[in-house]
Structures are given as C-alpha cells and as structure tokens.
Amino acid sequence: MYQILEHPLIYRLAQFVFAPGGEHFFETHIAKIVTELAPIESALDVGCGPRSYLWPAHVTPVGCDISLSYMKQFCLSAGLGIVGSIGDLPFSNEKFSTTWCIGVLHHLPDKLAQSAIQEMYRVTKMGGHVVIVDSVLPKLGWHRPIAWGIRKSDRGRFVRTESCLREIIKQVPAHWQISRQSYSFYGLEALTCIATKG
C-alpha cells in the first residue's frame, strides 16, 4: 500500500481522505509563519513531497526529497529540486535563510530524525530559522479516537507523543519556540518548532 502512495495524485487523495481540512490548515499556518519570519531570502523544503506548503505563501523553496517520483512532480510544478537524504543533506553549510521540514519527522526513527534536525541546522545561515511542523499523537486518545486511530495507522511509523518529539528536537542546542495545534475535521494534532540560528 505504501508504494501506491508514492504516486503524487494518490498521495494527495489520501491526504484529503484521512486529514480533511488539513491542507487548508497547513497552508494558513505556514503562511502565518512566513509572515512572521519575513523577509525570507532563500528557503529549503526538506522532505517536500510532490508539492510544497510554502508555494501558497509565495515562497519558492529548493525542494529536497528521497523520492524520485515526488521530486519529478515538484520540479515540473515549480523549479529547483534535488533527490537527497534528509540525514545527509546535499548542501553546503549556511546555505539557506530558512530551512523547513513539514510533516516528515514522523516517518523517521529517532536517530535519523535527530540527524535530520542537525543537518537542517547546519545548512541554515546564522540568524536564519529552522521550522519544523510535524504530527504528534493526540494528548487524550479516548477523547479523539478517530485521530488516534489515524495516527496509529499512519504510514509514518514513528508518530510520537509531544514529549518524545520535544526530546529529539532539543538534542540540537538552540532556542526553540514550540507550540501545539489541532487541525483537520478529525482533530489531528501537530507540533510547530522554530529555532533561530545564532
């Protein structure tokens, strides 16, 4: 089943079915963050998939994803993208003013997630920002059973509790601003983590 989701159209359909209202939330949420961090001189979208949530916010990032099919679609839609590993980003130090990772870490085991954050921090310029938005398990599974079930069956096998994700993020020594959001009609939940490099 997971190989089927490699097709960009199937991936978008799955997002619509399992997280209705989620796309609107992410576009609005990301646009708000972009406004707060403006001006953005250069951006990297790590694990961008076939399309970037930064596009609706009028930011054209360089895309990086391990999936060749996703990168082909990304490049056809909006320009520059490269196939690469999140744990060893193919970019020089301090290349981008903002580095984004939206909905990716729950696909990665702890050590790789930690390496990914270190890599994002490495390629971000001094004074720039690392922005991570990722899914977390609902605080109360019995209160949101559908959201809990969706997250437990997510193709990302590493959906974490908020405390577990915080621990991984804080392995990178930076001042993190962390907030929690609820989104989609099912009450899915996400953590937004923003660090300023410096």
C-alpha atoms as a PDB file:
ATOM      1  CA  MET A   1       0.000   0.000   0.000  1.00  0.00           C
ATOM      2  CA  TYR A   2       2.794   2.439   0.889  1.00  0.00           C
ATOM      3  CA  GLN A   3       4.278   2.067  -2.615  1.00  0.00           C
ATOM      4  CA  ILE A   4       0.938   3.177  -4.074  1.00  0.00           C
ATOM      5  CA  LEU A   5       1.270   6.413  -2.064  1.00  0.00           C
ATOM      6  CA  GLU A   6       4.499   7.156  -3.971  1.00  0.00           C
ATOM      7  CA  HIS A   7       2.256   8.332  -6.812  1.00  0.00           C
ATOM      8  CA  PRO A   8       1.685  12.083  -6.232  1.00  0.00           C
ATOM      9  CA  LEU A   9      -2.038  12.025  -7.086  1.00  0.00           C
ATOM     10  CA  ILE A  10      -2.732   9.045  -4.822  1.00  0.00           C
ATOM     11  CA  TYR A  11      -0.766  10.754  -2.052  1.00  0.00           C
ATOM     12  CA  ARG A  12      -2.920  13.893  -2.334  1.00  0.00           C
ATOM     13  CA  LEU A  13      -6.120  11.823  -2.358  1.00  0.00           C
ATOM     14  CA  ALA A  14      -5.006  10.038   0.827  1.00  0.00           C
ATOM     15  CA  GLN A  15      -4.336  13.401   2.477  1.00  0.00           C
ATOM     16  CA  PHE A  16      -7.838  14.547   1.554  1.00  0.00           C
ATOM     17  CA  VAL A  17      -9.490  11.380   2.920  1.00  0.00           C
ATOM     18  CA  PHE A  18      -7.505  10.941   6.152  1.00  0.00           C
ATOM     19  CA  ALA A  19      -6.957  14.603   7.039  1.00  0.00           C
ATOM     20  CA  PRO A  20      -9.915  16.571   5.661  1.00  0.00           C
ATOM     21  CA  GLY A  21      -9.320  20.257   6.272  1.00  0.00           C
ATOM     22  CA  GLY A  22      -5.657  19.574   6.951  1.00  0.00           C
ATOM     23  CA  GLU A  23      -4.355  21.090   3.743  1.00  0.00           C
ATOM     24  CA  HIS A  24      -6.154  24.367   4.425  1.00  0.00           C
ATOM     25  CA  PHE A  25      -4.782  24.429   7.972  1.00  0.00           C
ATOM     26  CA  PHE A  26      -1.202  23.842   6.836  1.00  0.00           C
ATOM     27  CA  GLU A  27      -1.384  26.457   4.081  1.00  0.00           C
ATOM     28  CA  THR A  28      -2.786  29.044   6.501  1.00  0.00           C
ATOM     29  CA  HIS A  29      -0.420  28.080   9.317  1.00  0.00           C
ATOM     30  CA  ILE A  30       2.670  28.144   7.086  1.00  0.00           C
ATOM     31  CA  ALA A  31       1.632  31.487   5.566  1.00  0.00           C
ATOM     32  CA  LYS A  32       1.398  32.953   9.086  1.00  0.00           C
ATOM     33  CA  ILE A  33       4.893  31.696   9.949  1.00  0.00           C
ATOM     34  CA  VAL A  34       6.268  33.072   6.670  1.00  0.00           C
ATOM     35  CA  THR A  35       4.840  36.500   7.540  1.00  0.00           C
ATOM     36  CA  GLU A  36       6.435  36.361  10.995  1.00  0.00           C
ATOM     37  CA  LEU A  37       9.853  35.385   9.601  1.00  0.00           C
ATOM     38  CA  ALA A  38       9.851  37.740   6.595  1.00  0.00           C
ATOM     39  CA  PRO A  39      11.852  38.645   4.666  1.00  0.00           C
ATOM     40  CA  ILE A  40      12.870  35.168   3.535  1.00  0.00           C
ATOM     41  CA  GLU A  41      15.847  35.372   1.197  1.00  0.00           C
ATOM     42  CA  SER A  42      16.217  31.669   0.461  1.00  0.00           C
ATOM     43  CA  ALA A  43      14.394  28.551   1.589  1.00  0.00           C
ATOM     44  CA  LEU A  44      14.896  24.803   1.639  1.00  0.00           C
ATOM     45  CA  ASP A  45      11.916  22.457   1.963  1.00  0.00           C
ATOM     46  CA  VAL A  46      13.243  19.163   3.341  1.00  0.00           C
ATOM     47  CA  GLY A  47      11.071  16.152   2.545  1.00  0.00           C
ATOM     48  CA  CYS A  48       8.932  18.398   0.367  1.00  0.00           C
ATOM     49  CA  GLY A  49       6.996  15.645  -1.383  1.00  0.00           C
ATOM     50  CA  PRO A  50       5.371  16.429  -4.748  1.00  0.00           C
ATOM     51  CA  ARG A  51       4.399  19.973  -3.740  1.00  0.00           C
ATOM     52  CA  SER A  52       5.487  22.499  -1.151  1.00  0.00           C
ATOM     53  CA  TYR A  53       3.282  24.063   1.504  1.00  0.00           C
ATOM     54  CA  LEU A  54       5.428  27.159   1.013  1.00  0.00           C
ATOM     55  CA  TRP A  55       4.140  27.819  -2.501  1.00  0.00           C
ATOM     56  CA  PRO A  56       0.754  29.241  -1.432  1.00  0.00           C
ATOM     57  CA  ALA A  57       2.694  31.601   0.882  1.00  0.00           C
ATOM     58  CA  HIS A  58       4.600  32.925  -2.162  1.00  0.00           C
ATOM     59  CA  VAL A  59       7.890  31.324  -1.153  1.00  0.00           C
ATOM     60  CA  THR A  60       9.671  29.259  -3.806  1.00  0.00           C
ATOM     61  CA  PRO A  61      11.996  26.906  -1.952  1.00  0.00           C
ATOM     62  CA  VAL A  62      14.590  24.484  -3.183  1.00  0.00           C
ATOM     63  CA  GLY A  63      12.988  21.082  -2.671  1.00  0.00           C
ATOM     64  CA  CYS A  64      14.741  18.013  -1.315  1.00  0.00           C
ATOM     65  CA  ASP A  65      13.147  14.576  -1.057  1.00  0.00           C
ATOM     66  CA  ILE A  66      14.332  10.982  -1.186  1.00  0.00           C
ATOM     67  CA  SER A  67      11.519  10.043  -3.614  1.00  0.00           C
ATOM     68  CA  LEU A  68      12.393  10.465  -7.289  1.00  0.00           C
ATOM     69  CA  SER A  69       8.720  10.472  -8.347  1.00  0.00           C
ATOM     70  CA  TYR A  70       7.912  13.226  -5.844  1.00  0.00           C
ATOM     71  CA  MET A  71      10.874  15.312  -6.995  1.00  0.00           C
ATOM     72  CA  LYS A  72       9.915  14.957 -10.651  1.00  0.00           C
ATOM     73  CA  GLN A  73       6.450  16.299  -9.869  1.00  0.00           C
ATOM     74  CA  PHE A  74       7.896  19.051  -7.660  1.00  0.00           C
ATOM     75  CA  CYS A  75      10.282  20.219 -10.388  1.00  0.00           C
ATOM     76  CA  LEU A  76       7.575  20.136 -13.064  1.00  0.00           C
ATOM     77  CA  SER A  77       5.422  22.390 -10.888  1.00  0.00           C
ATOM     78  CA  ALA A  78       7.864  24.944  -9.536  1.00  0.00           C
ATOM     79  CA  GLY A  79      11.514  24.717 -10.347  1.00  0.00           C
ATOM     80  CA  LEU A  80      14.535  23.544  -8.450  1.00  0.00           C
ATOM     81  CA  GLY A  81      14.598  20.311  -6.512  1.00  0.00           C
ATOM     82  CA  ILE A  82      17.091  17.574  -5.717  1.00  0.00           C
ATOM     83  CA  VAL A  83      16.832  13.947  -4.662  1.00  0.00           C
ATOM     84  CA  GLY A  84      18.700  13.579  -1.383  1.00  0.00           C
ATOM     85  CA  SER A  85      18.716  12.067   2.071  1.00  0.00           C
ATOM     86  CA  ILE A  86      17.375  14.071   4.989  1.00  0.00           C
ATOM     87  CA  GLY A  87      20.124  12.656   7.192  1.00  0.00           C
ATOM     88  CA  ASP A  88      22.881  13.925   4.893  1.00  0.00           C
ATOM     89  CA  LEU A  89      21.598  16.984   3.046  1.00  0.00           C
ATOM     90  CA  PRO A  90      23.497  17.664  -0.209  1.00  0.00           C
ATOM     91  CA  PHE A  91      24.077  21.358   0.541  1.00  0.00           C
ATOM     92  CA  SER A  92      26.928  23.417   1.954  1.00  0.00           C
ATOM     93  CA  ASN A  93      26.935  24.945   5.435  1.00  0.00           C
ATOM     94  CA  GLU A  94      24.774  28.034   5.982  1.00  0.00           C
ATOM     95  CA  LYS A  95      23.197  27.948   2.522  1.00  0.00           C
ATOM     96  CA  PHE A  96      19.586  28.948   3.301  1.00  0.00           C
ATOM     97  CA  SER A  97      17.980  31.691   5.365  1.00  0.00           C
ATOM     98  CA  THR A  98      15.146  29.316   6.316  1.00  0.00           C
ATOM     99  CA  THR A  99      15.007  25.546   6.351  1.00  0.00           C
ATOM    100  CA  TRP A 100      11.602  23.898   6.566  1.00  0.00           C
ATOM    101  CA  CYS A 101      10.511  20.364   7.408  1.00  0.00           C
ATOM    102  CA  ILE A 102       6.753  19.865   7.246  1.00  0.00           C
ATOM    103  CA  GLY A 103       5.169  16.518   8.114  1.00  0.00           C
ATOM    104  CA  VAL A 104       8.333  14.431   7.755  1.00  0.00           C
ATOM    105  CA  LEU A 105       9.843  13.508  11.129  1.00  0.00           C
ATOM    106  CA  HIS A 106       7.091  11.005  11.961  1.00  0.00           C
ATOM    107  CA  HIS A 107       8.429   8.913   9.066  1.00  0.00           C
ATOM    108  CA  LEU A 108      11.888   8.684  10.664  1.00  0.00           C
ATOM    109  CA  PRO A 109      13.282   6.655  13.588  1.00  0.00           C
ATOM    110  CA  ASP A 110      14.694   8.706  16.446  1.00  0.00           C
ATOM    111  CA  LYS A 111      18.363   8.710  15.420  1.00  0.00           C
ATOM    112  CA  LEU A 112      17.620   9.666  11.825  1.00  0.00           C
ATOM    113  CA  ALA A 113      15.179  12.358  12.982  1.00  0.00           C
ATOM    114  CA  GLN A 114      17.879  13.804  15.217  1.00  0.00           C
ATOM    115  CA  SER A 115      20.427  13.704  12.366  1.00  0.00           C
ATOM    116  CA  ALA A 116      17.893  15.415  10.102  1.00  0.00           C
ATOM    117  CA  ILE A 117      17.438  18.284  12.561  1.00  0.00           C
ATOM    118  CA  GLN A 118      21.201  18.663  12.909  1.00  0.00           C
ATOM    119  CA  GLU A 119      21.523  18.760   9.118  1.00  0.00           C
ATOM    120  CA  MET A 120      18.764  21.364   8.813  1.00  0.00           C
ATOM    121  CA  TYR A 121      20.516  23.477  11.409  1.00  0.00           C
ATOM    122  CA  ARG A 122      23.846  23.069   9.579  1.00  0.00           C
ATOM    123  CA  VAL A 123      22.552  24.316   6.225  1.00  0.00           C
ATOM    124  CA  THR A 124      20.759  27.314   7.794  1.00  0.00           C
ATOM    125  CA  LYS A 125      22.537  30.688   7.839  1.00  0.00           C
ATOM    126  CA  MET A 126      23.395  32.426  11.085  1.00  0.00           C
ATOM    127  CA  GLY A 127      20.390  34.496  12.072  1.00  0.00           C
ATOM    128  CA  GLY A 128      18.178  32.267   9.931  1.00  0.00           C
ATOM    129  CA  HIS A 129      15.432  29.899  11.052  1.00  0.00           C
ATOM    130  CA  VAL A 130      14.723  26.194  11.172  1.00  0.00           C
ATOM    131  CA  VAL A 131      10.985  25.466  11.051  1.00  0.00           C
ATOM    132  CA  ILE A 132       9.598  22.012  11.842  1.00  0.00           C
ATOM    133  CA  VAL A 133       5.906  21.144  11.759  1.00  0.00           C
ATOM    134  CA  ASP A 134       5.116  17.523  12.493  1.00  0.00           C
ATOM    135  CA  SER A 135       2.302  15.249  13.582  1.00  0.00           C
ATOM    136  CA  VAL A 136       2.005  14.091  17.180  1.00  0.00           C
ATOM    137  CA  LEU A 137      -0.346  11.689  18.896  1.00  0.00           C
ATOM    138  CA  PRO A 138      -3.422  13.290  20.480  1.00  0.00           C
ATOM    139  CA  LYS A 139      -2.947  14.090  24.172  1.00  0.00           C
ATOM    140  CA  LEU A 140      -6.057  12.075  25.033  1.00  0.00           C
ATOM    141  CA  GLY A 141      -6.633   9.139  22.695  1.00  0.00           C
ATOM    142  CA  TRP A 142     -10.014   8.312  24.204  1.00  0.00           C
ATOM    143  CA  HIS A 143     -11.110  11.923  23.626  1.00  0.00           C
ATOM    144  CA  ARG A 144     -10.159  11.824  19.935  1.00  0.00           C
ATOM    145  CA  PRO A 145     -10.393   8.134  18.975  1.00  0.00           C
ATOM    146  CA  ILE A 146     -10.563   8.752  15.214  1.00  0.00           C
ATOM    147  CA  ALA A 147      -7.478  10.983  15.294  1.00  0.00           C
ATOM    148  CA  TRP A 148      -5.696   8.423  17.479  1.00  0.00           C
ATOM    149  CA  GLY A 149      -6.604   5.600  15.068  1.00  0.00           C
ATOM    150  CA  ILE A 150      -5.467   7.579  12.018  1.00  0.00           C
ATOM    151  CA  ARG A 151      -2.131   8.386  13.651  1.00  0.00           C
ATOM    152  CA  LYS A 152      -1.587   4.812  14.829  1.00  0.00           C
ATOM    153  CA  SER A 153      -2.179   3.528  11.273  1.00  0.00           C
ATOM    154  CA  ASP A 154      -0.192   6.334   9.625  1.00  0.00           C
ATOM    155  CA  ARG A 155       2.327   5.222   7.024  1.00  0.00           C
ATOM    156  CA  GLY A 156       4.770   7.253   9.091  1.00  0.00           C
ATOM    157  CA  ARG A 157       5.557   4.546  11.635  1.00  0.00           C
ATOM    158  CA  PHE A 158       7.081   6.961  14.155  1.00  0.00           C
ATOM    159  CA  VAL A 159       4.262   9.291  15.174  1.00  0.00           C
ATOM    160  CA  ARG A 160       5.369  10.426  18.623  1.00  0.00           C
ATOM    161  CA  THR A 161       3.921  11.985  21.708  1.00  0.00           C
ATOM    162  CA  GLU A 162       4.666  15.673  22.155  1.00  0.00           C
ATOM    163  CA  SER A 163       7.203  14.955  24.906  1.00  0.00           C
ATOM    164  CA  CYS A 164       9.116  12.458  22.737  1.00  0.00           C
ATOM    165  CA  LEU A 165       9.298  14.874  19.800  1.00  0.00           C
ATOM    166  CA  ARG A 166      10.421  17.678  22.112  1.00  0.00           C
ATOM    167  CA  GLU A 167      13.256  15.479  23.408  1.00  0.00           C
ATOM    168  CA  ILE A 168      14.510  14.761  19.895  1.00  0.00           C
ATOM    169  CA  ILE A 169      14.321  18.401  18.825  1.00  0.00           C
ATOM    170  CA  LYS A 170      16.099  19.662  21.911  1.00  0.00           C
ATOM    171  CA  GLN A 171      19.130  17.494  21.111  1.00  0.00           C
ATOM    172  CA  VAL A 172      20.056  20.346  18.774  1.00  0.00           C
ATOM    173  CA  PRO A 173      21.245  23.155  21.072  1.00  0.00           C
ATOM    174  CA  ALA A 174      19.132  26.086  20.002  1.00  0.00           C
ATOM    175  CA  HIS A 175      16.393  28.242  21.464  1.00  0.00           C
ATOM    176  CA  TRP A 176      13.233  26.516  20.249  1.00  0.00           C
ATOM    177  CA  GLN A 177       9.793  28.089  20.270  1.00  0.00           C
ATOM    178  CA  ILE A 178       7.360  25.177  20.406  1.00  0.00           C
ATOM    179  CA  SER A 179       3.572  25.280  20.087  1.00  0.00           C
ATOM    180  CA  ARG A 180       0.852  22.694  19.572  1.00  0.00           C
ATOM    181  CA  GLN A 181      -2.006  22.898  17.075  1.00  0.00           C
ATOM    182  CA  SER A 182      -5.135  20.889  16.363  1.00  0.00           C
ATOM    183  CA  TYR A 183      -6.190  20.517  12.734  1.00  0.00           C
ATOM    184  CA  SER A 184      -8.459  18.629  10.331  1.00  0.00           C
ATOM    185  CA  PHE A 185     -12.057  17.671  10.964  1.00  0.00           C
ATOM    186  CA  TYR A 186     -10.850  14.607  12.913  1.00  0.00           C
ATOM    187  CA  GLY A 187      -8.849  16.670  15.412  1.00  0.00           C
ATOM    188  CA  LEU A 188      -5.383  15.585  14.347  1.00  0.00           C
ATOM    189  CA  GLU A 189      -2.596  17.353  16.226  1.00  0.00           C
ATOM    190  CA  ALA A 190       0.793  18.783  15.291  1.00  0.00           C
ATOM    191  CA  LEU A 191       3.767  20.467  16.913  1.00  0.00           C
ATOM    192  CA  THR A 192       5.402  23.568  15.435  1.00  0.00           C
ATOM    193  CA  CYS A 193       9.045  24.100  16.414  1.00  0.00           C
ATOM    194  CA  ILE A 194      11.004  27.176  15.317  1.00  0.00           C
ATOM    195  CA  ALA A 195      14.654  27.870  16.103  1.00  0.00           C
ATOM    196  CA  THR A 196      16.750  30.935  15.287  1.00  0.00           C
ATOM    197  CA  LYS A 197      20.335  30.025  14.474  1.00  0.00           C
ATOM    198  CA  GLY A 198      22.841  32.141  16.314  1.00  0.00           C
END
